[in-house]
Amino acid sequence: MIKLTSLDVAEGAPIYVPVESIELIETDIHNGLTVVVCGRSRKHVEESPEEVARKVLEWQLVMERFRVSYQSSTNLLLPNEINTEYQAVMKELHRVSGLSAEKGVEG
């Protein structure tokens, strides 16, 4: 999931959107707001279409890194290397999903 800023529910409230459910990112021609389409749901968000697309791409890249590190951990890495790589990928997943600070990860 990625964290976006809702303009629908409570202005400025964070919402978490599953990347896999995003079908379209567009600008509403009537008000200029960014619309994220997820199935039948249309969410107006503060972020620009480019920023939403960047967050989606970043999430997909980190998930691919996670898959690769998981697959290689069962064959190639020593236990302490697995732990280090796992921790690094999990910190990155938390960052891109908005579960930790945007500029750097705590801990």
N, C-alpha and C. Protein backbone atom coordinates (compact mmCIF):
# COMPACT_ATOMS: atom_id res chain seq x y z
N MET A 1 0.83 -1.18 0.00
CA MET A 1 0.00 0.00 0.00
C MET A 1 0.88 1.24 0.00
N ILE A 2 0.31 2.29 -0.57
CA ILE A 2 0.99 3.57 -0.51
C ILE A 2 0.11 4.55 0.26
N LYS A 3 0.76 5.50 0.90
CA LYS A 3 0.06 6.51 1.68
C LYS A 3 -0.17 7.73 0.80
N LEU A 4 -1.42 8.16 0.72
CA LEU A 4 -1.79 9.37 0.00
C LEU A 4 -2.56 10.29 0.93
N THR A 5 -2.74 11.53 0.52
CA THR A 5 -3.44 12.51 1.34
C THR A 5 -4.83 12.76 0.75
N SER A 6 -5.85 12.35 1.46
CA SER A 6 -7.24 12.43 0.98
C SER A 6 -7.76 13.87 0.99
N LEU A 7 -8.53 14.17 -0.04
CA LEU A 7 -9.27 15.44 -0.06
C LEU A 7 -10.77 15.18 -0.01
N ASP A 8 -11.15 13.91 0.17
CA ASP A 8 -12.56 13.52 0.19
C ASP A 8 -13.12 13.41 1.60
N VAL A 9 -12.53 12.56 2.42
CA VAL A 9 -13.07 12.25 3.74
C VAL A 9 -12.88 13.44 4.66
N ALA A 10 -11.71 13.59 5.19
CA ALA A 10 -11.34 14.75 5.99
C ALA A 10 -10.12 15.33 5.30
N GLU A 11 -10.23 16.55 4.83
CA GLU A 11 -9.16 17.13 4.04
C GLU A 11 -7.82 17.00 4.77
N GLY A 12 -6.86 16.41 4.08
CA GLY A 12 -5.54 16.22 4.65
C GLY A 12 -5.36 14.93 5.41
N ALA A 13 -6.41 14.11 5.50
CA ALA A 13 -6.32 12.85 6.22
C ALA A 13 -5.55 11.83 5.37
N PRO A 14 -4.67 11.06 6.00
CA PRO A 14 -3.96 10.04 5.23
C PRO A 14 -4.88 8.87 4.86
N ILE A 15 -4.70 8.35 3.66
CA ILE A 15 -5.37 7.13 3.25
C ILE A 15 -4.31 6.19 2.70
N TYR A 16 -4.56 4.91 2.83
CA TYR A 16 -3.62 3.89 2.34
C TYR A 16 -4.32 3.14 1.22
N VAL A 17 -3.69 3.17 0.05
CA VAL A 17 -4.29 2.61 -1.15
C VAL A 17 -3.46 1.41 -1.61
N PRO A 18 -4.08 0.25 -1.80
CA PRO A 18 -3.35 -0.90 -2.34
C PRO A 18 -2.92 -0.61 -3.78
N VAL A 19 -1.65 -0.68 -4.04
CA VAL A 19 -1.11 -0.39 -5.36
C VAL A 19 -1.79 -1.24 -6.43
N GLU A 20 -2.05 -2.49 -6.11
CA GLU A 20 -2.64 -3.41 -7.08
C GLU A 20 -4.05 -3.02 -7.49
N SER A 21 -4.72 -2.21 -6.69
CA SER A 21 -6.10 -1.83 -7.00
C SER A 21 -6.19 -0.55 -7.84
N ILE A 22 -5.08 0.16 -8.02
CA ILE A 22 -5.11 1.41 -8.78
C ILE A 22 -5.22 1.09 -10.26
N GLU A 23 -6.27 1.60 -10.86
CA GLU A 23 -6.51 1.39 -12.29
C GLU A 23 -6.15 2.60 -13.13
N LEU A 24 -6.28 3.79 -12.54
CA LEU A 24 -6.07 5.01 -13.31
C LEU A 24 -5.72 6.15 -12.36
N ILE A 25 -4.82 7.02 -12.81
CA ILE A 25 -4.49 8.24 -12.10
C ILE A 25 -4.72 9.37 -13.10
N GLU A 26 -5.57 10.32 -12.75
CA GLU A 26 -5.90 11.39 -13.70
C GLU A 26 -6.14 12.69 -12.97
N THR A 27 -6.24 13.76 -13.75
CA THR A 27 -6.59 15.06 -13.20
C THR A 27 -8.05 15.34 -13.55
N ASP A 28 -8.85 15.68 -12.54
CA ASP A 28 -10.27 16.01 -12.74
C ASP A 28 -10.36 17.30 -13.55
N ILE A 29 -11.01 17.25 -14.70
CA ILE A 29 -11.08 18.43 -15.58
C ILE A 29 -11.93 19.56 -14.99
N HIS A 30 -12.77 19.24 -14.02
CA HIS A 30 -13.66 20.26 -13.44
C HIS A 30 -12.99 21.07 -12.33
N ASN A 31 -12.12 20.43 -11.57
CA ASN A 31 -11.51 21.14 -10.43
C ASN A 31 -9.99 21.05 -10.37
N GLY A 32 -9.38 20.32 -11.28
CA GLY A 32 -7.92 20.22 -11.32
C GLY A 32 -7.30 19.32 -10.27
N LEU A 33 -8.13 18.62 -9.49
CA LEU A 33 -7.60 17.74 -8.45
C LEU A 33 -7.18 16.40 -9.04
N THR A 34 -6.26 15.75 -8.38
CA THR A 34 -5.81 14.42 -8.79
C THR A 34 -6.84 13.41 -8.33
N VAL A 35 -7.20 12.51 -9.23
CA VAL A 35 -8.15 11.45 -8.94
C VAL A 35 -7.44 10.11 -9.11
N VAL A 36 -7.55 9.27 -8.09
CA VAL A 36 -7.02 7.91 -8.16
C VAL A 36 -8.24 6.99 -8.25
N VAL A 37 -8.31 6.23 -9.34
CA VAL A 37 -9.45 5.34 -9.56
C VAL A 37 -9.05 3.93 -9.15
N CYS A 38 -9.82 3.37 -8.21
CA CYS A 38 -9.62 2.01 -7.71
C CYS A 38 -10.96 1.29 -7.85
N GLY A 39 -11.13 0.53 -8.93
CA GLY A 39 -12.42 -0.12 -9.16
C GLY A 39 -13.49 0.92 -9.37
N ARG A 40 -14.55 0.84 -8.59
CA ARG A 40 -15.65 1.82 -8.69
C ARG A 40 -15.43 3.04 -7.81
N SER A 41 -14.37 3.03 -7.07
CA SER A 41 -14.06 4.12 -6.15
C SER A 41 -13.15 5.15 -6.81
N ARG A 42 -13.49 6.43 -6.63
CA ARG A 42 -12.67 7.54 -7.12
C ARG A 42 -12.23 8.34 -5.90
N LYS A 43 -10.94 8.45 -5.70
CA LYS A 43 -10.41 9.16 -4.55
C LYS A 43 -9.69 10.42 -5.01
N HIS A 44 -10.10 11.58 -4.47
CA HIS A 44 -9.39 12.83 -4.74
C HIS A 44 -8.25 12.93 -3.72
N VAL A 45 -7.05 13.19 -4.22
CA VAL A 45 -5.88 13.25 -3.35
C VAL A 45 -5.10 14.53 -3.60
N GLU A 46 -4.33 14.91 -2.61
CA GLU A 46 -3.53 16.13 -2.65
C GLU A 46 -2.34 15.99 -3.61
N GLU A 47 -1.77 14.79 -3.70
CA GLU A 47 -0.58 14.58 -4.52
C GLU A 47 -0.89 14.75 -6.01
N SER A 48 0.10 15.17 -6.76
CA SER A 48 -0.05 15.29 -8.21
C SER A 48 -0.09 13.89 -8.84
N PRO A 49 -0.61 13.78 -10.06
CA PRO A 49 -0.59 12.47 -10.74
C PRO A 49 0.83 11.91 -10.85
N GLU A 50 1.79 12.79 -11.08
CA GLU A 50 3.20 12.35 -11.18
C GLU A 50 3.71 11.79 -9.86
N GLU A 51 3.33 12.43 -8.75
CA GLU A 51 3.75 11.96 -7.43
C GLU A 51 3.12 10.61 -7.10
N VAL A 52 1.85 10.43 -7.43
CA VAL A 52 1.19 9.14 -7.20
C VAL A 52 1.88 8.07 -8.04
N ALA A 53 2.14 8.38 -9.30
CA ALA A 53 2.82 7.41 -10.18
C ALA A 53 4.21 7.07 -9.64
N ARG A 54 4.94 8.07 -9.12
CA ARG A 54 6.25 7.82 -8.54
C ARG A 54 6.16 6.89 -7.34
N LYS A 55 5.15 7.12 -6.48
CA LYS A 55 4.97 6.27 -5.30
C LYS A 55 4.62 4.84 -5.71
N VAL A 56 3.80 4.69 -6.74
CA VAL A 56 3.44 3.35 -7.23
C VAL A 56 4.67 2.64 -7.76
N LEU A 57 5.44 3.33 -8.60
CA LEU A 57 6.64 2.73 -9.17
C LEU A 57 7.65 2.37 -8.09
N GLU A 58 7.85 3.27 -7.13
CA GLU A 58 8.79 3.01 -6.04
C GLU A 58 8.35 1.78 -5.24
N TRP A 59 7.05 1.67 -4.96
CA TRP A 59 6.52 0.52 -4.24
C TRP A 59 6.80 -0.77 -5.02
N GLN A 60 6.53 -0.75 -6.32
CA GLN A 60 6.74 -1.94 -7.14
C GLN A 60 8.21 -2.34 -7.17
N LEU A 61 9.10 -1.37 -7.25
CA LEU A 61 10.53 -1.67 -7.27
C LEU A 61 11.00 -2.28 -5.94
N VAL A 62 10.51 -1.72 -4.83
CA VAL A 62 10.88 -2.26 -3.51
C VAL A 62 10.30 -3.66 -3.34
N MET A 63 9.09 -3.88 -3.79
CA MET A 63 8.50 -5.23 -3.69
C MET A 63 9.31 -6.23 -4.51
N GLU A 64 9.78 -5.83 -5.68
CA GLU A 64 10.61 -6.72 -6.49
C GLU A 64 11.93 -7.01 -5.76
N ARG A 65 12.50 -5.99 -5.14
CA ARG A 65 13.73 -6.20 -4.34
C ARG A 65 13.45 -7.19 -3.21
N PHE A 66 12.30 -7.06 -2.58
CA PHE A 66 11.92 -7.97 -1.50
C PHE A 66 11.82 -9.40 -2.02
N ARG A 67 11.14 -9.58 -3.16
CA ARG A 67 11.00 -10.93 -3.74
C ARG A 67 12.36 -11.55 -4.05
N VAL A 68 13.24 -10.76 -4.67
CA VAL A 68 14.56 -11.26 -5.03
C VAL A 68 15.36 -11.60 -3.78
N SER A 69 15.33 -10.73 -2.78
CA SER A 69 16.11 -11.01 -1.56
C SER A 69 15.56 -12.23 -0.83
N TYR A 70 14.25 -12.42 -0.87
CA TYR A 70 13.66 -13.59 -0.22
C TYR A 70 14.06 -14.86 -0.94
N GLN A 71 13.99 -14.85 -2.27
CA GLN A 71 14.36 -16.04 -3.04
C GLN A 71 15.84 -16.37 -2.87
N SER A 72 16.69 -15.37 -2.90
CA SER A 72 18.12 -15.64 -2.78
C SER A 72 18.51 -16.01 -1.35
N SER A 73 17.74 -15.57 -0.38
CA SER A 73 18.09 -15.85 1.01
C SER A 73 18.00 -17.34 1.33
N THR A 74 17.15 -18.04 0.64
CA THR A 74 17.01 -19.47 0.93
C THR A 74 18.16 -20.28 0.35
N ASN A 75 18.91 -19.69 -0.60
CA ASN A 75 19.97 -20.44 -1.26
C ASN A 75 21.37 -19.93 -1.00
N LEU A 76 21.57 -18.63 -0.97
CA LEU A 76 22.91 -18.09 -1.06
C LEU A 76 23.44 -17.39 0.18
N LEU A 77 22.59 -16.79 0.97
CA LEU A 77 23.05 -15.92 2.03
C LEU A 77 23.23 -16.66 3.35
N LEU A 78 24.21 -16.20 4.11
CA LEU A 78 24.41 -16.70 5.46
C LEU A 78 23.36 -16.06 6.37
N PRO A 79 23.08 -16.67 7.53
CA PRO A 79 22.02 -16.15 8.40
C PRO A 79 22.14 -14.67 8.73
N ASN A 80 23.33 -14.16 9.05
CA ASN A 80 23.45 -12.73 9.38
C ASN A 80 23.26 -11.85 8.14
N GLU A 81 23.60 -12.34 6.94
CA GLU A 81 23.36 -11.59 5.71
C GLU A 81 21.86 -11.53 5.41
N ILE A 82 21.15 -12.62 5.67
CA ILE A 82 19.70 -12.64 5.48
C ILE A 82 19.06 -11.59 6.37
N ASN A 83 19.45 -11.56 7.62
CA ASN A 83 18.88 -10.63 8.57
C ASN A 83 19.15 -9.18 8.14
N THR A 84 20.36 -8.89 7.71
CA THR A 84 20.72 -7.54 7.29
C THR A 84 19.92 -7.12 6.06
N GLU A 85 19.85 -7.97 5.05
CA GLU A 85 19.10 -7.66 3.83
C GLU A 85 17.61 -7.53 4.14
N TYR A 86 17.08 -8.43 4.94
CA TYR A 86 15.67 -8.39 5.32
C TYR A 86 15.34 -7.08 6.02
N GLN A 87 16.17 -6.69 6.98
CA GLN A 87 15.93 -5.45 7.71
C GLN A 87 15.97 -4.24 6.77
N ALA A 88 16.92 -4.23 5.84
CA ALA A 88 17.03 -3.12 4.90
C ALA A 88 15.79 -3.03 4.01
N VAL A 89 15.33 -4.17 3.51
CA VAL A 89 14.15 -4.17 2.64
C VAL A 89 12.90 -3.79 3.43
N MET A 90 12.77 -4.28 4.64
CA MET A 90 11.59 -3.95 5.45
C MET A 90 11.55 -2.46 5.79
N LYS A 91 12.71 -1.85 6.07
CA LYS A 91 12.75 -0.41 6.32
C LYS A 91 12.30 0.35 5.08
N GLU A 92 12.76 -0.10 3.91
CA GLU A 92 12.38 0.55 2.67
C GLU A 92 10.88 0.39 2.40
N LEU A 93 10.33 -0.80 2.67
CA LEU A 93 8.89 -1.01 2.52
C LEU A 93 8.09 -0.09 3.44
N HIS A 94 8.53 0.05 4.67
CA HIS A 94 7.85 0.95 5.60
C HIS A 94 7.92 2.39 5.12
N ARG A 95 9.06 2.78 4.57
CA ARG A 95 9.21 4.16 4.10
C ARG A 95 8.28 4.43 2.92
N VAL A 96 8.27 3.56 1.91
CA VAL A 96 7.46 3.84 0.73
C VAL A 96 5.97 3.69 1.00
N SER A 97 5.60 2.93 2.00
CA SER A 97 4.18 2.79 2.32
C SER A 97 3.68 3.90 3.25
N GLY A 98 4.59 4.75 3.72
CA GLY A 98 4.18 5.84 4.59
C GLY A 98 4.09 5.42 6.05
N LEU A 99 4.62 4.27 6.39
CA LEU A 99 4.54 3.80 7.78
C LEU A 99 5.70 4.31 8.62
N SER A 100 6.65 5.01 7.99
CA SER A 100 7.74 5.65 8.72
C SER A 100 8.01 6.99 8.06
N ALA A 101 8.94 7.74 8.60
CA ALA A 101 9.22 9.07 8.09
C ALA A 101 9.60 9.03 6.62
N GLU A 102 9.11 9.98 5.83
CA GLU A 102 9.39 10.05 4.40
C GLU A 102 10.88 10.25 4.13
N LYS A 103 11.52 11.12 4.87
CA LYS A 103 12.94 11.43 4.65
C LYS A 103 13.77 10.64 5.64
N GLY A 104 14.10 9.42 5.32
CA GLY A 104 14.90 8.58 6.18
C GLY A 104 14.03 7.74 7.09
N VAL A 105 14.59 6.65 7.52
CA VAL A 105 13.83 5.70 8.33
C VAL A 105 14.37 5.72 9.74
N GLU A 106 13.48 5.79 10.69
CA GLU A 106 13.87 5.76 12.09
C GLU A 106 14.29 4.35 12.47
N GLY A 107 15.20 4.26 13.43
CA GLY A 107 15.53 2.95 13.97
C GLY A 107 16.71 2.40 13.37
